[in-house]
């Protein structure tokens, strides 16, 4: 029996231009007041998606919707 092994998909393979990445947004905390270790919106979404690594179906569904939101 031949089993095809696919490489795991990255959590979120997307890059936005610096002007659109949210790093200078009005809701972006800085310094000691940060609640998560993310400097951009994409990094924040990656951290959120990482919480679902143990649930591949949920991760796939959430990743699809996150890409739709960011694009």
PDB file of N, CA and C in Angstrom:
ATOM      1  N   UNK A   1       0.833  -1.171   0.000  1.00  0.00           N
ATOM      2  CA  UNK A   1       0.000   0.000   0.000  1.00  0.00           C
ATOM      3  C   UNK A   1       0.881   1.238   0.000  1.00  0.00           C
ATOM      4  N   UNK A   2       0.636   2.127  -0.937  1.00  0.00           N
ATOM      5  CA  UNK A   2       1.396   3.372  -1.030  1.00  0.00           C
ATOM      6  C   UNK A   2       0.669   4.476  -0.287  1.00  0.00           C
ATOM      7  N   UNK A   3       1.377   5.107   0.609  1.00  0.00           N
ATOM      8  CA  UNK A   3       0.816   6.212   1.373  1.00  0.00           C
ATOM      9  C   UNK A   3       1.546   7.483   0.970  1.00  0.00           C
ATOM     10  N   UNK A   4       0.784   8.452   0.531  1.00  0.00           N
ATOM     11  CA  UNK A   4       1.373   9.723   0.135  1.00  0.00           C
ATOM     12  C   UNK A   4       1.515  10.591   1.370  1.00  0.00           C
ATOM     13  N   UNK A   5       2.717  11.059   1.593  1.00  0.00           N
ATOM     14  CA  UNK A   5       2.964  11.916   2.744  1.00  0.00           C
ATOM     15  C   UNK A   5       3.124  13.351   2.267  1.00  0.00           C
ATOM     16  N   UNK A   6       2.288  14.206   2.772  1.00  0.00           N
ATOM     17  CA  UNK A   6       2.369  15.621   2.414  1.00  0.00           C
ATOM     18  C   UNK A   6       3.125  16.377   3.491  1.00  0.00           C
ATOM     19  N   UNK A   7       3.883  17.354   3.052  1.00  0.00           N
ATOM     20  CA  UNK A   7       4.573  18.216   4.013  1.00  0.00           C
ATOM     21  C   UNK A   7       3.525  19.021   4.765  1.00  0.00           C
ATOM     22  N   UNK A   8       3.725  19.232   6.041  1.00  0.00           N
ATOM     23  CA  UNK A   8       2.741  20.026   6.797  1.00  0.00           C
ATOM     24  C   UNK A   8       2.681  21.454   6.274  1.00  0.00           C
ATOM     25  N   UNK A   9       1.480  21.997   6.250  1.00  0.00           N
ATOM     26  CA  UNK A   9       1.310  23.375   5.805  1.00  0.00           C
ATOM     27  C   UNK A   9       1.805  24.320   6.887  1.00  0.00           C
ATOM     28  N   UNK A  10       2.396  25.438   6.489  1.00  0.00           N
ATOM     29  CA  UNK A  10       2.782  26.411   7.511  1.00  0.00           C
ATOM     30  C   UNK A  10       1.540  26.944   8.208  1.00  0.00           C
ATOM     31  N   UNK A  11       1.713  27.414   9.409  1.00  0.00           N
ATOM     32  CA  UNK A  11       0.574  27.924  10.170  1.00  0.00           C
ATOM     33  C   UNK A  11      -0.115  29.041   9.394  1.00  0.00           C
ATOM     34  N   UNK A  12       0.640  29.958   8.850  1.00  0.00           N
ATOM     35  CA  UNK A  12       0.068  31.025   8.034  1.00  0.00           C
ATOM     36  C   UNK A  12       1.170  31.590   7.141  1.00  0.00           C
ATOM     37  N   UNK A  13       1.151  31.188   5.892  1.00  0.00           N
ATOM     38  CA  UNK A  13       2.177  31.629   4.951  1.00  0.00           C
ATOM     39  C   UNK A  13       1.660  32.829   4.164  1.00  0.00           C
ATOM     40  N   UNK A  14       1.791  33.991   4.750  1.00  0.00           N
ATOM     41  CA  UNK A  14       1.335  35.215   4.105  1.00  0.00           C
ATOM     42  C   UNK A  14       2.234  36.358   4.573  1.00  0.00           C
ATOM     43  N   UNK A  15       2.492  37.272   3.663  1.00  0.00           N
ATOM     44  CA  UNK A  15       3.288  38.451   4.013  1.00  0.00           C
ATOM     45  C   UNK A  15       2.562  39.680   3.480  1.00  0.00           C
ATOM     46  N   UNK A  16       2.485  40.692   4.291  1.00  0.00           N
ATOM     47  CA  UNK A  16       1.837  41.935   3.896  1.00  0.00           C
ATOM     48  C   UNK A  16       2.874  43.047   3.822  1.00  0.00           C
ATOM     49  N   UNK A  17       2.640  44.041   2.983  1.00  0.00           N
ATOM     50  CA  UNK A  17       3.555  45.188   2.955  1.00  0.00           C
ATOM     51  C   UNK A  17       3.562  45.895   4.309  1.00  0.00           C
ATOM     52  N   UNK A  18       4.665  46.520   4.633  1.00  0.00           N
ATOM     53  CA  UNK A  18       4.821  47.182   5.937  1.00  0.00           C
ATOM     54  C   UNK A  18       3.726  48.215   6.190  1.00  0.00           C
ATOM     55  N   UNK A  19       3.226  48.830   5.147  1.00  0.00           N
ATOM     56  CA  UNK A  19       2.187  49.847   5.325  1.00  0.00           C
ATOM     57  C   UNK A  19       0.845  49.239   5.710  1.00  0.00           C
ATOM     58  N   UNK A  20       0.696  47.919   5.514  1.00  0.00           N
ATOM     59  CA  UNK A  20      -0.570  47.251   5.813  1.00  0.00           C
ATOM     60  C   UNK A  20      -0.458  46.177   6.888  1.00  0.00           C
ATOM     61  N   UNK A  21       0.713  46.008   7.493  1.00  0.00           N
ATOM     62  CA  UNK A  21       0.900  44.883   8.423  1.00  0.00           C
ATOM     63  C   UNK A  21       0.412  45.140   9.849  1.00  0.00           C
ATOM     64  N   UNK A  22      -0.035  46.343  10.138  1.00  0.00           N
ATOM     65  CA  UNK A  22      -0.574  46.649  11.457  1.00  0.00           C
ATOM     66  C   UNK A  22       0.462  46.995  12.507  1.00  0.00           C
ATOM     67  N   UNK A  23       1.717  47.021  12.140  1.00  0.00           N
ATOM     68  CA  UNK A  23       2.767  47.283  13.129  1.00  0.00           C
ATOM     69  C   UNK A  23       2.717  48.699  13.699  1.00  0.00           C
ATOM     70  N   UNK A  24       2.123  49.612  12.975  1.00  0.00           N
ATOM     71  CA  UNK A  24       2.010  50.988  13.463  1.00  0.00           C
ATOM     72  C   UNK A  24       0.555  51.375  13.719  1.00  0.00           C
ATOM     73  N   UNK A  25      -0.295  50.390  13.903  1.00  0.00           N
ATOM     74  CA  UNK A  25      -1.718  50.651  14.121  1.00  0.00           C
ATOM     75  C   UNK A  25      -1.998  51.321  15.453  1.00  0.00           C
ATOM     76  N   UNK A  26      -3.140  51.958  15.547  1.00  0.00           N
ATOM     77  CA  UNK A  26      -3.506  52.671  16.768  1.00  0.00           C
ATOM     78  C   UNK A  26      -3.809  51.729  17.929  1.00  0.00           C
ATOM     79  N   UNK A  27      -4.112  50.481  17.642  1.00  0.00           N
ATOM     80  CA  UNK A  27      -4.390  49.506  18.701  1.00  0.00           C
ATOM     81  C   UNK A  27      -3.177  48.635  19.034  1.00  0.00           C
ATOM     82  N   UNK A  28      -2.017  48.964  18.510  1.00  0.00           N
ATOM     83  CA  UNK A  28      -0.810  48.178  18.741  1.00  0.00           C
ATOM     84  C   UNK A  28      -0.138  48.648  20.024  1.00  0.00           C
ATOM     85  N   UNK A  29      -0.044  47.775  20.996  1.00  0.00           N
ATOM     86  CA  UNK A  29       0.636  48.102  22.250  1.00  0.00           C
ATOM     87  C   UNK A  29       2.148  48.009  22.045  1.00  0.00           C
ATOM     88  N   UNK A  30       2.880  48.707  22.865  1.00  0.00           N
ATOM     89  CA  UNK A  30       4.338  48.655  22.758  1.00  0.00           C
ATOM     90  C   UNK A  30       4.950  48.576  24.143  1.00  0.00           C
ATOM     91  N   UNK A  31       6.208  48.207  24.176  1.00  0.00           N
ATOM     92  CA  UNK A  31       6.934  48.155  25.444  1.00  0.00           C
ATOM     93  C   UNK A  31       6.389  47.115  26.401  1.00  0.00           C
ATOM     94  N   UNK A  32       6.301  47.456  27.664  1.00  0.00           N
ATOM     95  CA  UNK A  32       5.900  46.519  28.715  1.00  0.00           C
ATOM     96  C   UNK A  32       4.402  46.253  28.741  1.00  0.00           C
ATOM     97  N   UNK A  33       3.626  46.962  27.955  1.00  0.00           N
ATOM     98  CA  UNK A  33       2.174  46.826  27.988  1.00  0.00           C
ATOM     99  C   UNK A  33       1.633  45.808  26.994  1.00  0.00           C
ATOM    100  N   UNK A  34       2.504  45.105  26.284  1.00  0.00           N
ATOM    101  CA  UNK A  34       2.069  44.121  25.297  1.00  0.00           C
ATOM    102  C   UNK A  34       1.496  42.882  25.977  1.00  0.00           C
ATOM    103  N   UNK A  35       0.396  42.370  25.443  1.00  0.00           N
ATOM    104  CA  UNK A  35      -0.208  41.156  25.987  1.00  0.00           C
ATOM    105  C   UNK A  35       0.246  39.909  25.250  1.00  0.00           C
ATOM    106  N   UNK A  36       0.700  40.054  24.005  1.00  0.00           N
ATOM    107  CA  UNK A  36       1.221  38.935  23.230  1.00  0.00           C
ATOM    108  C   UNK A  36       2.516  39.361  22.557  1.00  0.00           C
ATOM    109  N   UNK A  37       3.317  38.397  22.169  1.00  0.00           N
ATOM    110  CA  UNK A  37       4.609  38.676  21.542  1.00  0.00           C
ATOM    111  C   UNK A  37       4.458  38.792  20.028  1.00  0.00           C
ATOM    112  N   UNK A  38       3.674  39.755  19.588  1.00  0.00           N
ATOM    113  CA  UNK A  38       3.467  39.960  18.153  1.00  0.00           C
ATOM    114  C   UNK A  38       3.667  41.429  17.821  1.00  0.00           C
ATOM    115  N   UNK A  39       4.400  41.666  16.746  1.00  0.00           N
ATOM    116  CA  UNK A  39       4.633  43.040  16.297  1.00  0.00           C
ATOM    117  C   UNK A  39       3.736  43.429  15.139  1.00  0.00           C
ATOM    118  N   UNK A  40       3.137  42.439  14.477  1.00  0.00           N
ATOM    119  CA  UNK A  40       2.270  42.700  13.325  1.00  0.00           C
ATOM    120  C   UNK A  40       0.983  41.895  13.468  1.00  0.00           C
ATOM    121  N   UNK A  41       0.019  42.225  12.637  1.00  0.00           N
ATOM    122  CA  UNK A  41      -1.242  41.493  12.650  1.00  0.00           C
ATOM    123  C   UNK A  41      -1.040  40.032  12.245  1.00  0.00           C
ATOM    124  N   UNK A  42      -0.188  39.787  11.257  1.00  0.00           N
ATOM    125  CA  UNK A  42       0.063  38.412  10.810  1.00  0.00           C
ATOM    126  C   UNK A  42       0.702  37.604  11.941  1.00  0.00           C
ATOM    127  N   UNK A  43       1.642  38.190  12.663  1.00  0.00           N
ATOM    128  CA  UNK A  43       2.254  37.488  13.798  1.00  0.00           C
ATOM    129  C   UNK A  43       1.203  37.171  14.863  1.00  0.00           C
ATOM    130  N   UNK A  44       0.293  38.091  15.109  1.00  0.00           N
ATOM    131  CA  UNK A  44      -0.769  37.867  16.096  1.00  0.00           C
ATOM    132  C   UNK A  44      -1.669  36.711  15.664  1.00  0.00           C
ATOM    133  N   UNK A  45      -2.015  36.667  14.389  1.00  0.00           N
ATOM    134  CA  UNK A  45      -2.853  35.577  13.883  1.00  0.00           C
ATOM    135  C   UNK A  45      -2.098  34.254  13.954  1.00  0.00           C
ATOM    136  N   UNK A  46      -0.803  34.272  13.647  1.00  0.00           N
ATOM    137  CA  UNK A  46      -0.001  33.036  13.747  1.00  0.00           C
ATOM    138  C   UNK A  46       0.013  32.513  15.179  1.00  0.00           C
ATOM    139  N   UNK A  47       0.161  33.394  16.150  1.00  0.00           N
ATOM    140  CA  UNK A  47       0.145  32.970  17.554  1.00  0.00           C
ATOM    141  C   UNK A  47      -1.210  32.384  17.931  1.00  0.00           C
ATOM    142  N   UNK A  48      -2.265  33.005  17.457  1.00  0.00           N
ATOM    143  CA  UNK A  48      -3.618  32.510  17.729  1.00  0.00           C
ATOM    144  C   UNK A  48      -3.812  31.139  17.088  1.00  0.00           C
ATOM    145  N   UNK A  49      -3.404  30.982  15.831  1.00  0.00           N
ATOM    146  CA  UNK A  49      -3.564  29.704  15.151  1.00  0.00           C
ATOM    147  C   UNK A  49      -2.729  28.598  15.795  1.00  0.00           C
ATOM    148  N   UNK A  50      -1.580  28.949  16.339  1.00  0.00           N
ATOM    149  CA  UNK A  50      -0.712  27.955  16.978  1.00  0.00           C
ATOM    150  C   UNK A  50      -1.418  27.264  18.141  1.00  0.00           C
ATOM    151  N   UNK A  51      -2.405  27.919  18.723  1.00  0.00           N
ATOM    152  CA  UNK A  51      -3.173  27.320  19.816  1.00  0.00           C
ATOM    153  C   UNK A  51      -3.959  26.095  19.350  1.00  0.00           C
ATOM    154  N   UNK A  52      -4.180  25.963  18.044  1.00  0.00           N
ATOM    155  CA  UNK A  52      -4.987  24.881  17.498  1.00  0.00           C
ATOM    156  C   UNK A  52      -4.159  23.837  16.753  1.00  0.00           C
ATOM    157  N   UNK A  53      -2.869  23.790  17.011  1.00  0.00           N
ATOM    158  CA  UNK A  53      -1.982  22.846  16.328  1.00  0.00           C
ATOM    159  C   UNK A  53      -2.379  21.391  16.571  1.00  0.00           C
ATOM    160  N   UNK A  54      -2.954  21.103  17.722  1.00  0.00           N
ATOM    161  CA  UNK A  54      -3.334  19.726  18.045  1.00  0.00           C
ATOM    162  C   UNK A  54      -4.665  19.322  17.407  1.00  0.00           C
ATOM    163  N   UNK A  55      -5.340  20.258  16.790  1.00  0.00           N
ATOM    164  CA  UNK A  55      -6.631  19.990  16.157  1.00  0.00           C
ATOM    165  C   UNK A  55      -6.557  20.386  14.679  1.00  0.00           C
ATOM    166  N   UNK A  56      -6.085  19.473  13.821  1.00  0.00           N
ATOM    167  CA  UNK A  56      -5.819  19.833  12.424  1.00  0.00           C
ATOM    168  C   UNK A  56      -7.032  20.343  11.650  1.00  0.00           C
ATOM    169  N   UNK A  57      -8.214  19.804  11.917  1.00  0.00           N
ATOM    170  CA  UNK A  57      -9.405  20.264  11.187  1.00  0.00           C
ATOM    171  C   UNK A  57      -9.762  21.691  11.583  1.00  0.00           C
ATOM    172  N   UNK A  58      -9.703  21.977  12.866  1.00  0.00           N
ATOM    173  CA  UNK A  58      -9.982  23.333  13.340  1.00  0.00           C
ATOM    174  C   UNK A  58      -8.927  24.297  12.819  1.00  0.00           C
ATOM    175  N   UNK A  59      -7.669  23.906  12.886  1.00  0.00           N
ATOM    176  CA  UNK A  59      -6.578  24.745  12.400  1.00  0.00           C
ATOM    177  C   UNK A  59      -6.765  25.076  10.923  1.00  0.00           C
ATOM    178  N   UNK A  60      -7.083  24.080  10.122  1.00  0.00           N
ATOM    179  CA  UNK A  60      -7.273  24.296   8.685  1.00  0.00           C
ATOM    180  C   UNK A  60      -8.428  25.277   8.436  1.00  0.00           C
ATOM    181  N   UNK A  61      -9.520  25.100   9.149  1.00  0.00           N
ATOM    182  CA  UNK A  61     -10.679  25.966   8.983  1.00  0.00           C
ATOM    183  C   UNK A  61     -10.367  27.403   9.420  1.00  0.00           C
ATOM    184  N   UNK A  62      -9.751  27.552  10.581  1.00  0.00           N
ATOM    185  CA  UNK A  62      -9.410  28.882  11.081  1.00  0.00           C
ATOM    186  C   UNK A  62      -8.380  29.567  10.191  1.00  0.00           C
ATOM    187  N   UNK A  63      -7.399  28.793   9.686  1.00  0.00           N
ATOM    188  CA  UNK A  63      -6.382  29.364   8.800  1.00  0.00           C
ATOM    189  C   UNK A  63      -7.042  29.916   7.543  1.00  0.00           C
ATOM    190  N   UNK A  64      -7.960  29.153   6.970  1.00  0.00           N
ATOM    191  CA  UNK A  64      -8.660  29.593   5.760  1.00  0.00           C
ATOM    192  C   UNK A  64      -9.381  30.920   6.013  1.00  0.00           C
ATOM    193  N   UNK A  65     -10.072  31.027   7.135  1.00  0.00           N
ATOM    194  CA  UNK A  65     -10.806  32.257   7.427  1.00  0.00           C
ATOM    195  C   UNK A  65      -9.852  33.415   7.740  1.00  0.00           C
ATOM    196  N   UNK A  66      -8.732  33.130   8.390  1.00  0.00           N
ATOM    197  CA  UNK A  66      -7.752  34.184   8.696  1.00  0.00           C
ATOM    198  C   UNK A  66      -7.158  34.757   7.412  1.00  0.00           C
ATOM    199  N   UNK A  67      -6.862  33.906   6.455  1.00  0.00           N
ATOM    200  CA  UNK A  67      -6.332  34.378   5.181  1.00  0.00           C
ATOM    201  C   UNK A  67      -7.361  35.254   4.492  1.00  0.00           C
ATOM    202  N   UNK A  68      -8.616  34.858   4.516  1.00  0.00           N
ATOM    203  CA  UNK A  68      -9.679  35.675   3.926  1.00  0.00           C
ATOM    204  C   UNK A  68      -9.743  37.042   4.599  1.00  0.00           C
ATOM    205  N   UNK A  69      -9.621  37.067   5.909  1.00  0.00           N
ATOM    206  CA  UNK A  69      -9.679  38.318   6.648  1.00  0.00           C
ATOM    207  C   UNK A  69      -8.492  39.235   6.295  1.00  0.00           C
ATOM    208  N   UNK A  70      -7.309  38.651   6.247  1.00  0.00           N
ATOM    209  CA  UNK A  70      -6.108  39.457   6.009  1.00  0.00           C
ATOM    210  C   UNK A  70      -5.984  39.939   4.571  1.00  0.00           C
ATOM    211  N   UNK A  71      -6.546  39.190   3.651  1.00  0.00           N
ATOM    212  CA  UNK A  71      -6.447  39.613   2.248  1.00  0.00           C
ATOM    213  C   UNK A  71      -7.555  40.581   1.925  1.00  0.00           C
TER     214      UNK A  71
END
